[in-house]
Protein backbone atom coordinates (compact mmCIF):
# COMPACT_ATOMS: atom_id res chain seq x y z
CA MET A 1 19.24 19.09 22.75
CA THR A 2 17.99 16.41 20.37
CA THR A 3 18.81 12.73 20.56
CA PRO A 4 20.42 11.06 17.51
CA HIS A 5 18.05 8.70 15.75
CA PRO A 6 18.51 5.20 17.14
CA VAL A 7 19.69 2.52 14.77
CA HIS A 8 16.97 -0.05 14.13
CA LEU A 9 18.62 -3.27 13.01
CA LEU A 10 15.62 -4.38 10.91
CA GLY A 11 14.38 -0.96 9.85
CA ALA A 12 16.15 -0.94 6.48
CA LEU A 13 14.59 -4.29 5.61
CA PHE A 14 10.95 -3.51 6.26
CA THR A 15 10.63 0.16 5.34
CA THR A 16 12.55 2.96 3.66
CA GLY A 17 14.88 5.63 4.98
CA ASP A 18 12.44 8.35 3.96
CA MET A 19 9.55 6.69 5.80
CA ARG A 20 11.68 6.18 8.91
CA GLU A 21 12.61 9.84 8.82
CA ILE A 22 9.01 11.01 8.36
CA PHE A 23 7.90 9.07 11.44
CA SER A 24 10.98 9.64 13.58
CA ASP A 25 10.58 11.12 17.06
CA HIS A 26 12.23 14.30 15.81
CA ARG A 27 9.76 14.72 12.95
CA ARG A 28 6.78 13.88 15.17
CA LEU A 29 7.85 16.65 17.53
CA GLN A 30 8.55 19.09 14.70
CA ALA A 31 5.14 18.43 13.15
CA MET A 32 3.41 19.33 16.42
CA LEU A 33 5.57 22.45 16.71
CA ASN A 34 4.63 23.36 13.14
CA PHE A 35 1.03 23.30 14.29
CA GLU A 36 1.87 25.60 17.20
CA ALA A 37 3.73 28.04 14.94
CA ALA A 38 0.87 28.07 12.44
CA LEU A 39 -1.64 28.63 15.23
CA ALA A 40 0.35 31.64 16.45
CA ARG A 41 0.38 33.08 12.92
CA ALA A 42 -3.37 32.44 12.57
CA LEU A 43 -4.01 34.26 15.87
CA ALA A 44 -2.00 37.21 14.59
CA ARG A 45 -3.80 37.18 11.25
CA GLU A 46 -7.13 37.44 13.06
CA GLY A 47 -5.89 40.19 15.40
CA ILE A 48 -5.99 38.08 18.56
CA ALA A 49 -2.23 38.09 19.07
CA SER A 50 0.31 40.61 17.83
CA LYS A 51 2.64 39.85 14.93
CA GLU A 52 5.54 40.24 17.36
CA ALA A 53 4.06 37.62 19.68
CA ALA A 54 3.52 35.24 16.75
CA ALA A 55 7.10 35.73 15.60
CA ALA A 56 8.40 35.11 19.12
CA ILE A 57 6.47 31.84 19.32
CA GLU A 58 7.44 30.75 15.81
CA SER A 59 11.14 31.32 16.54
CA GLN A 60 11.02 28.70 19.29
CA CYS A 61 9.07 26.07 17.34
CA ASP A 62 12.23 24.17 16.48
CA ALA A 63 12.55 20.55 17.57
CA ASN A 64 16.30 21.03 18.03
CA LEU A 65 15.58 23.29 21.02
CA PHE A 66 13.73 20.53 22.88
CA SER A 67 14.82 17.53 24.88
CA ILE A 68 13.11 14.47 23.47
CA GLU A 69 14.19 12.45 26.52
CA THR A 70 12.46 14.93 28.81
CA LEU A 71 9.33 14.95 26.67
CA ALA A 72 9.23 11.15 26.69
CA ARG A 73 9.64 10.98 30.44
CA GLU A 74 7.11 13.70 31.24
CA GLY A 75 4.71 12.54 28.53
CA ALA A 76 4.48 9.15 30.22
CA LEU A 77 3.14 10.91 33.32
CA ALA A 78 0.94 13.45 31.52
CA GLY A 79 -0.69 10.91 29.19
CA ASN A 80 0.58 12.52 25.98
CA VAL A 81 3.73 14.30 24.82
CA ALA A 82 1.95 17.49 23.73
CA ILE A 83 1.39 18.59 27.33
CA PRO A 84 5.10 18.76 28.30
CA MET A 85 5.96 20.05 24.82
CA ILE A 86 3.63 23.01 25.23
CA LYS A 87 5.04 23.63 28.70
CA GLN A 88 8.60 23.65 27.32
CA LEU A 89 7.56 25.87 24.40
CA ALA A 90 5.92 28.43 26.68
CA SER A 91 9.04 28.49 28.84
CA LEU A 92 11.30 29.04 25.83
CA VAL A 93 9.11 31.85 24.50
CA ALA A 94 8.89 33.54 27.90
CA ARG A 95 12.66 33.90 28.08
CA ASN A 96 12.58 36.42 25.25
CA HIS A 97 8.98 37.63 25.16
CA GLU A 98 6.97 37.18 28.34
CA LYS A 99 3.71 38.50 26.89
CA ALA A 100 3.97 36.28 23.84
CA SER A 101 4.06 33.16 25.99
CA ALA A 102 0.42 33.81 26.91
CA PHE A 103 -0.53 33.02 23.30
CA VAL A 104 1.26 29.69 23.11
CA HIS A 105 -1.33 27.01 22.26
CA TYR A 106 -4.03 29.66 22.63
CA GLY A 107 -7.55 28.24 22.22
CA ALA A 108 -6.24 24.75 21.37
CA THR A 109 -6.01 21.44 23.18
CA SER A 110 -3.27 18.81 23.17
CA GLN A 111 -5.20 16.59 20.77
CA ASP A 112 -5.28 19.41 18.23
CA ALA A 113 -1.49 19.53 18.19
CA ILE A 114 -1.04 15.74 18.14
CA ASP A 115 -3.66 14.99 15.48
CA THR A 116 -2.73 17.85 13.18
CA GLY A 117 0.94 16.99 13.62
CA LEU A 118 0.20 13.44 12.54
CA VAL A 119 -1.78 14.74 9.55
CA LEU A 120 1.29 16.72 8.48
CA GLN A 121 3.37 13.55 8.70
CA LEU A 122 0.72 11.60 6.78
CA ARG A 123 0.80 14.17 4.00
CA GLU A 124 4.46 13.42 3.39
CA ALA A 125 4.04 9.67 3.82
CA LEU A 126 1.07 9.37 1.46
CA GLU A 127 2.83 11.47 -1.15
CA GLU A 128 5.83 9.13 -0.91
CA ILE A 129 3.58 6.09 -1.27
CA GLY A 130 1.77 7.70 -4.20
CA ASN A 131 5.07 8.29 -5.97
CA GLY A 132 5.93 4.64 -5.38
CA LEU A 133 2.63 3.55 -6.91
CA SER A 134 3.44 5.61 -9.98
CA ARG A 135 6.75 3.75 -10.33
CA ILE A 136 4.94 0.43 -9.98
CA SER A 137 2.40 1.42 -12.65
CA ARG A 138 5.12 2.45 -15.09
CA ALA A 139 6.92 -0.86 -14.60
CA LEU A 140 3.69 -2.79 -15.08
CA VAL A 141 2.74 -0.90 -18.22
CA LYS A 142 6.07 -1.94 -19.76
CA LEU A 143 5.49 -5.53 -18.68
CA VAL A 144 1.97 -5.62 -20.10
CA GLU A 145 2.98 -4.08 -23.40
CA ALA A 146 6.00 -6.37 -23.84
CA HIS A 147 4.17 -9.60 -23.01
CA GLU A 148 0.70 -9.22 -24.43
CA SER A 149 1.19 -12.48 -26.34
CA THR A 150 3.55 -14.34 -24.02
CA PHE A 151 1.78 -17.58 -23.14
CA LEU A 152 2.04 -19.38 -19.82
CA ALA A 153 0.04 -21.95 -17.95
CA GLY A 154 -2.87 -20.61 -16.01
CA ARG A 155 -3.05 -22.00 -12.49
CA THR A 156 -6.09 -22.66 -10.32
CA TRP A 157 -5.72 -24.19 -6.87
CA LEU A 158 -1.97 -24.21 -7.71
CA GLN A 159 -2.64 -26.73 -10.51
CA HIS A 160 -2.19 -26.19 -14.23
CA ALA A 161 -5.28 -24.85 -15.99
CA PRO A 162 -5.84 -23.46 -19.51
CA PRO A 163 -3.21 -21.03 -20.80
CA VAL A 164 -3.20 -17.31 -20.09
CA THR A 165 -0.85 -14.55 -21.12
CA LEU A 166 1.71 -12.84 -18.97
CA GLY A 167 0.30 -9.58 -20.28
CA LEU A 168 -3.12 -10.42 -18.86
CA LYS A 169 -1.68 -11.45 -15.50
CA ALA A 170 0.30 -8.20 -15.27
CA ALA A 171 -2.73 -6.22 -16.46
CA GLY A 172 -4.64 -7.61 -13.50
CA TRP A 173 -1.91 -6.34 -11.19
CA LEU A 174 -1.88 -2.97 -12.98
CA SER A 175 -5.64 -2.53 -12.82
CA ALA A 176 -5.61 -3.12 -9.06
CA ILE A 177 -2.71 -0.72 -8.52
CA GLU A 178 -4.56 2.00 -10.43
CA ARG A 179 -7.61 1.50 -8.21
CA HIS A 180 -5.36 1.91 -5.18
CA HIS A 181 -3.90 5.08 -6.66
CA ALA A 182 -7.39 6.53 -7.08
CA ARG A 183 -8.33 5.38 -3.59
CA LEU A 184 -5.18 6.96 -2.16
CA ASN A 185 -6.01 10.28 -3.83
CA GLN A 186 -9.48 10.22 -2.31
CA THR A 187 -8.06 9.27 1.08
CA GLN A 188 -5.67 12.22 0.96
CA GLU A 189 -8.57 14.53 0.20
CA ASP A 190 -10.60 13.11 3.09
CA ALA A 191 -7.89 12.82 5.73
CA LEU A 192 -5.52 15.73 5.18
CA VAL A 193 -7.47 18.24 7.24
CA ILE A 194 -6.67 20.17 10.39
CA GLN A 195 -7.81 19.16 13.84
CA PHE A 196 -8.73 22.25 15.84
CA GLY A 197 -11.50 22.25 18.40
CA GLY A 198 -10.18 23.20 21.81
CA ALA A 199 -11.18 21.38 24.94
CA VAL A 200 -14.47 19.84 23.79
CA GLY A 201 -14.64 20.78 20.12
CA THR A 202 -16.48 24.10 20.50
CA LEU A 203 -13.48 26.49 20.31
CA ALA A 204 -15.18 28.31 23.19
CA ALA A 205 -11.88 29.80 24.38
CA LEU A 206 -11.79 31.89 21.19
CA GLY A 207 -15.29 33.27 21.61
CA ASP A 208 -16.85 33.98 18.22
CA ARG A 209 -13.43 34.04 16.50
CA GLY A 210 -12.95 30.28 16.51
CA PRO A 211 -14.07 29.54 12.93
CA ALA A 212 -11.97 32.40 11.54
CA VAL A 213 -8.85 31.20 13.38
CA ALA A 214 -9.51 27.64 12.19
CA SER A 215 -9.76 28.82 8.59
CA ALA A 216 -6.55 30.83 8.90
CA LEU A 217 -4.81 27.82 10.47
CA ALA A 218 -5.89 25.52 7.63
CA ASP A 219 -4.72 28.05 5.04
CA ASP A 220 -1.35 28.41 6.75
CA LEU A 221 -0.74 24.66 6.91
CA LYS A 222 -2.19 24.10 3.44
CA LEU A 223 -4.56 21.50 4.84
CA GLY A 224 -8.28 21.09 4.38
CA LEU A 225 -10.76 22.71 6.75
CA PRO A 226 -13.29 20.16 8.04
CA ASP A 227 -16.86 21.14 8.79
CA LEU A 228 -16.18 20.71 12.51
CA PRO A 229 -13.55 19.21 14.86
CA TRP A 230 -13.27 15.43 14.81
CA HIS A 231 -11.69 14.55 18.17
CA THR A 232 -13.65 11.33 18.57
CA GLN A 233 -14.74 10.79 14.96
CA ARG A 234 -11.78 8.72 13.80
CA ASP A 235 -12.96 7.61 10.39
CA ARG A 236 -10.37 9.77 8.62
CA PHE A 237 -7.41 8.01 10.21
CA ALA A 238 -9.20 4.67 9.90
CA GLU A 239 -9.64 5.38 6.19
CA VAL A 240 -5.90 5.91 5.83
CA ALA A 241 -5.27 2.62 7.61
CA THR A 242 -7.80 0.61 5.61
CA SER A 243 -6.73 2.12 2.28
CA LEU A 244 -3.13 1.17 2.99
CA GLY A 245 -4.28 -2.24 4.22
CA LEU A 246 -6.01 -2.87 0.89
CA LEU A 247 -2.94 -1.68 -0.98
CA VAL A 248 -0.59 -3.95 0.96
CA GLY A 249 -2.97 -6.85 0.32
CA THR A 250 -2.71 -6.33 -3.43
CA LEU A 251 1.07 -6.01 -3.23
CA GLY A 252 1.06 -9.26 -1.29
CA LYS A 253 -0.94 -10.95 -4.05
CA ILE A 254 1.59 -9.74 -6.64
CA ALA A 255 4.48 -10.91 -4.47
CA ARG A 256 2.84 -14.30 -3.97
CA ASP A 257 2.41 -14.75 -7.72
CA ILE A 258 5.99 -13.74 -8.45
CA SER A 259 7.50 -15.88 -5.71
CA LEU A 260 5.55 -18.93 -6.88
CA MET A 261 6.64 -18.30 -10.46
CA ALA A 262 10.23 -17.98 -9.23
CA GLN A 263 10.33 -21.39 -7.54
CA THR A 264 13.13 -23.60 -8.81
CA GLU A 265 10.75 -26.11 -10.41
CA VAL A 266 8.84 -23.30 -12.17
CA ALA A 267 11.57 -20.71 -12.88
CA GLU A 268 9.42 -18.48 -15.07
CA VAL A 269 10.59 -15.24 -13.46
CA ALA A 270 13.29 -14.06 -11.09
CA GLU A 271 13.76 -10.99 -8.96
CA PRO A 272 16.43 -8.60 -10.21
CA ALA A 273 19.84 -9.67 -8.94
CA ALA A 274 22.23 -7.42 -7.05
CA PRO A 275 25.46 -7.99 -5.10
CA GLY A 276 24.63 -9.39 -1.67
CA LYS A 277 20.90 -9.66 -2.43
CA GLY A 278 19.03 -12.88 -1.73
CA GLY A 279 21.98 -15.04 -0.83
CA SER A 280 22.17 -17.85 1.71
CA SER A 281 24.54 -18.27 4.65
CA THR A 282 25.19 -21.90 3.64
CA MET A 283 24.02 -22.40 0.04
CA PRO A 284 26.11 -20.43 -2.46
CA HIS A 285 23.73 -21.07 -5.35
CA LYS A 286 20.68 -19.40 -3.79
CA GLN A 287 18.96 -16.30 -5.16
CA ASN A 288 16.12 -15.87 -2.71
CA PRO A 289 13.15 -13.60 -3.53
CA VAL A 290 13.94 -11.08 -0.78
CA GLY A 291 11.70 -8.35 -2.15
CA CYS A 292 8.69 -10.65 -2.23
CA ALA A 293 9.48 -11.82 1.30
CA VAL A 294 9.39 -8.24 2.61
CA ILE A 295 6.13 -7.48 0.80
CA LEU A 296 4.53 -10.66 2.09
CA SER A 297 5.65 -9.93 5.64
CA ALA A 298 3.91 -6.55 5.40
CA ALA A 299 0.79 -8.25 4.03
CA ILE A 300 0.79 -10.48 7.12
CA ARG A 301 1.43 -7.72 9.66
CA VAL A 302 -0.70 -4.85 8.37
CA PRO A 303 -4.19 -6.44 8.62
CA ALA A 304 -3.91 -6.81 12.40
CA LEU A 305 -2.77 -3.20 12.67
CA VAL A 306 -5.74 -2.11 10.57
CA CYS A 307 -7.97 -4.01 13.00
CA THR A 308 -6.47 -1.96 15.82
CA MET A 309 -7.32 1.26 13.98
CA LEU A 310 -10.88 0.10 13.37
CA ALA A 311 -11.31 -0.96 16.99
CA SER A 312 -9.98 2.39 18.19
CA MET A 313 -12.84 4.21 16.44
CA VAL A 314 -15.18 3.47 19.33
CA GLN A 315 -14.36 6.47 21.52
CA GLU A 316 -16.09 8.13 24.43
CA HIS A 317 -18.09 11.35 24.14
CA GLU A 318 -15.94 14.37 23.22
CA ARG A 319 -12.48 12.95 23.99
CA GLY A 320 -11.40 9.34 23.76
CA LEU A 321 -9.80 7.26 26.50
CA GLY A 322 -7.35 4.68 25.18
CA GLY A 323 -8.71 4.45 21.64
CA TRP A 324 -6.97 7.66 20.64
CA HIS A 325 -3.76 6.53 22.31
CA ALA A 326 -3.88 3.23 20.44
CA GLU A 327 -3.49 5.07 17.14
CA TRP A 328 -0.23 6.87 17.93
CA GLU A 329 2.16 4.06 17.07
CA THR A 330 -0.22 1.93 15.02
CA LEU A 331 -0.91 4.27 12.11
CA PRO A 332 2.75 5.23 11.61
CA GLU A 333 3.68 1.55 11.62
CA ILE A 334 1.07 0.84 8.94
CA CYS A 335 2.48 3.69 6.86
CA MET A 336 6.06 2.52 7.25
CA LEU A 337 5.24 -1.08 6.36
CA ALA A 338 3.16 0.03 3.38
CA GLY A 339 5.92 2.36 2.24
CA GLY A 340 8.45 -0.44 2.49
CA ALA A 341 6.21 -2.83 0.55
CA VAL A 342 5.63 -0.25 -2.18
CA ALA A 343 9.36 0.42 -2.53
CA GLN A 344 10.14 -3.30 -2.74
CA ALA A 345 7.39 -3.88 -5.30
CA ALA A 346 8.66 -1.03 -7.46
CA ALA A 347 12.17 -2.49 -7.38
CA VAL A 348 11.05 -6.07 -8.08
CA LEU A 349 8.73 -5.16 -10.94
CA GLY A 350 11.11 -2.62 -12.37
CA GLY A 351 13.78 -5.27 -12.92
CA LEU A 352 11.79 -8.50 -13.05
CA GLU A 353 13.58 -11.14 -15.12
CA ILE A 354 11.17 -12.85 -17.52
CA ARG A 355 12.00 -16.35 -18.78
CA GLU A 356 9.71 -16.98 -21.72
CA ASP A 357 11.41 -20.26 -22.60
CA ARG A 358 10.46 -21.71 -19.22
CA MET A 359 6.90 -20.50 -19.64
CA SER A 360 6.71 -22.38 -22.94
CA GLU A 361 8.29 -25.49 -21.40
CA ASN A 362 5.88 -25.44 -18.46
CA ILE A 363 2.88 -25.32 -20.78
CA GLU A 364 4.06 -28.69 -22.08
CA VAL A 365 4.57 -30.25 -18.64
CA THR A 366 1.12 -31.85 -18.62
CA ARG A 367 1.54 -33.05 -22.22
CA GLY A 368 -1.59 -31.32 -23.42
CA LEU A 369 -3.86 -31.86 -20.41
CA ILE A 370 -4.29 -28.10 -19.95
CA PHE A 371 -6.16 -28.09 -23.28
CA SER A 372 -8.80 -30.56 -22.12
CA GLU A 373 -11.34 -27.77 -21.63
CA ALA A 374 -10.69 -26.48 -25.15
CA VAL A 375 -11.41 -29.92 -26.62
CA ALA A 376 -14.46 -30.45 -24.42
CA MET A 377 -15.88 -27.10 -25.53
CA ALA A 378 -15.29 -28.03 -29.17
CA LEU A 379 -17.23 -31.26 -28.64
CA ARG A 380 -20.01 -29.77 -26.52
CA SER A 381 -22.17 -28.64 -29.45
CA LYS A 382 -21.99 -32.18 -30.87
CA LEU A 383 -22.17 -34.35 -27.74
CA GLY A 384 -23.64 -32.09 -25.08
CA ARG A 385 -22.00 -30.81 -21.93
CA SER A 386 -22.11 -33.95 -19.81
CA GLN A 387 -20.91 -36.43 -22.44
CA SER A 388 -18.13 -34.20 -23.76
CA HIS A 389 -16.88 -33.52 -20.23
CA GLN A 390 -16.91 -37.22 -19.36
CA LEU A 391 -15.16 -38.11 -22.60
CA LEU A 392 -12.28 -35.71 -21.85
CA GLU A 393 -12.07 -36.87 -18.23
CA GLU A 394 -11.56 -40.43 -19.44
CA ALA A 395 -9.08 -39.37 -22.12
CA SER A 396 -7.09 -37.35 -19.60
CA ARG A 397 -6.98 -40.32 -17.22
CA ARG A 398 -5.72 -42.62 -19.99
CA ALA A 399 -3.06 -40.08 -20.96
CA VAL A 400 -1.71 -40.05 -17.40
CA GLU A 401 -1.92 -43.82 -16.95
CA LYS A 402 -0.21 -44.60 -20.29
CA ASN A 403 2.21 -41.68 -20.08
CA GLN A 404 0.99 -40.37 -23.41
CA SER A 405 0.15 -36.90 -24.63
CA LEU A 406 -3.50 -35.96 -24.61
CA GLN A 407 -3.25 -35.31 -28.33
CA ASP A 408 -2.14 -38.89 -29.03
CA VAL A 409 -4.91 -40.30 -26.86
CA LEU A 410 -7.52 -38.19 -28.66
CA LEU A 411 -6.21 -39.20 -32.06
CA SER A 412 -6.69 -42.85 -31.11
CA ASP A 413 -10.19 -42.32 -29.68
CA ALA A 414 -12.82 -43.32 -32.22
CA LYS A 415 -15.59 -41.30 -30.64
CA VAL A 416 -13.46 -38.15 -30.71
CA ARG A 417 -12.39 -38.77 -34.30
CA GLU A 418 -16.03 -38.93 -35.34
CA HIS A 419 -16.25 -35.20 -34.66
CA LEU A 420 -12.71 -33.77 -34.76
CA SER A 421 -10.11 -34.08 -37.50
CA THR A 422 -6.37 -34.39 -36.92
CA GLU A 423 -5.96 -30.74 -37.87
CA GLU A 424 -8.73 -29.62 -35.51
CA ILE A 425 -7.19 -31.52 -32.62
CA ALA A 426 -3.78 -30.00 -33.35
CA ARG A 427 -5.32 -26.53 -33.48
CA LEU A 428 -6.97 -27.08 -30.09
CA MET A 429 -3.55 -27.94 -28.63
CA ASP A 430 -2.10 -24.55 -29.60
CA PRO A 431 -2.11 -22.09 -26.63
CA GLY A 432 -2.57 -19.19 -29.00
CA ASN A 433 -5.96 -20.55 -29.97
CA TYR A 434 -7.34 -20.76 -26.44
CA ILE A 435 -6.65 -17.49 -24.64
CA GLY A 436 -10.12 -16.11 -25.26
CA SER A 437 -10.29 -12.32 -24.90
CA ALA A 438 -6.97 -11.99 -23.07
CA ARG A 439 -5.48 -9.56 -25.58
CA GLU A 440 -8.65 -7.48 -25.75
CA MET A 441 -8.89 -7.23 -21.95
CA THR A 442 -5.21 -6.39 -21.66
CA ARG A 443 -5.54 -3.57 -24.18
CA LYS A 444 -8.64 -2.31 -22.38
CA VAL A 445 -6.63 -1.87 -19.18
CA LEU A 446 -3.93 0.04 -21.04
CA SER A 447 -6.53 2.15 -22.83
CA SER A 448 -8.22 2.99 -19.52
CA LEU A 449 -4.88 4.09 -18.13
CA ASP A 450 -4.25 6.32 -21.17
CA ARG A 451 -7.59 8.05 -20.60
CA LYS A 452 -6.70 8.75 -16.97
CA LEU A 453 -3.37 10.25 -17.96
């Protein structure tokens, strides 16, 4: 009865097979049916339906017994796919157990099935993303530890600035990823709860048994039990969207850094190579940063989708009109793009090729200009801020105009030589002497991670 999953030509590029499976039509349907089966068991547990009736309903809660084409067609008329699904389910149950069919979807509303079904899908998706973040963190820890003292040019406004360490740069990435991991854990706690309120959120159809059935339902599905139904309070799903939006933004920042460092003229890093990966249809020499491209595409697409989720929060009274519907494809798409970005980041960082020789060479590209701040700071106590800054501005300009190193210009400057010896100037031109607290901050990030573990 089911339809084979359609082949999406670009699906493998932008997300993962697991994420596509989690949010497939088949799994969406099965998640809603899992809600219906759990509801039947909860009704039996509370003595509202018999165990036989619950078993009869549960036996038919199999997506393979349903026609997805029929559900799609009838759902377009009904306004949601839960309505025809429940109709089909009741018909299937009635064939074998007429009385049991009366307890199909008993006390619930279509939004309960759709929202809780989506929560069940989100549980799988967020666990997958969390596992991906763990892989990213492990890769970054190795990078930080291995390159605590690997010097490279710092860059501000895409121009060379004083030196930093690769360890510090990677520690910045790692610190952000760990914040996202903590945020994701909190989001799972907040969002992975049942939706069960009946027509208007009062569970009136269950009389005074509503809270007990809700508790039994939450226990059965191993989901949290909210204080009350949340049909038009959409902050939980919006939190999922915004948390993933923040995560994808950080992954985009990492991908931007890596792709800039991988440019031909820079060549400080390269994505891990693989047969058929990153090639060109016309240029045999190319090794394009495909992983970074996918991550950056997600970072471009996801913010607009997050905006849709935030806009859909403004819903009417007890049941939303349009805002709820806007979530159905939007939130899964955010999850799939985020999952794809996480998987690509884990692969890129796990095999990132580091070219320390190029990092050293690039530090020398400006012939010492990146150390102008170091020299100015050394002179500040003797000449004051303004004069020392002006002196180094002029020296830097002469170095460029005469195609000389800054060190040579300083050695020939009488005013500089009044205060700095040849040895002092040489020391100021050593990147290892002007990385400030980079090592200390890097170790602090690693230490913080050890405490969490």
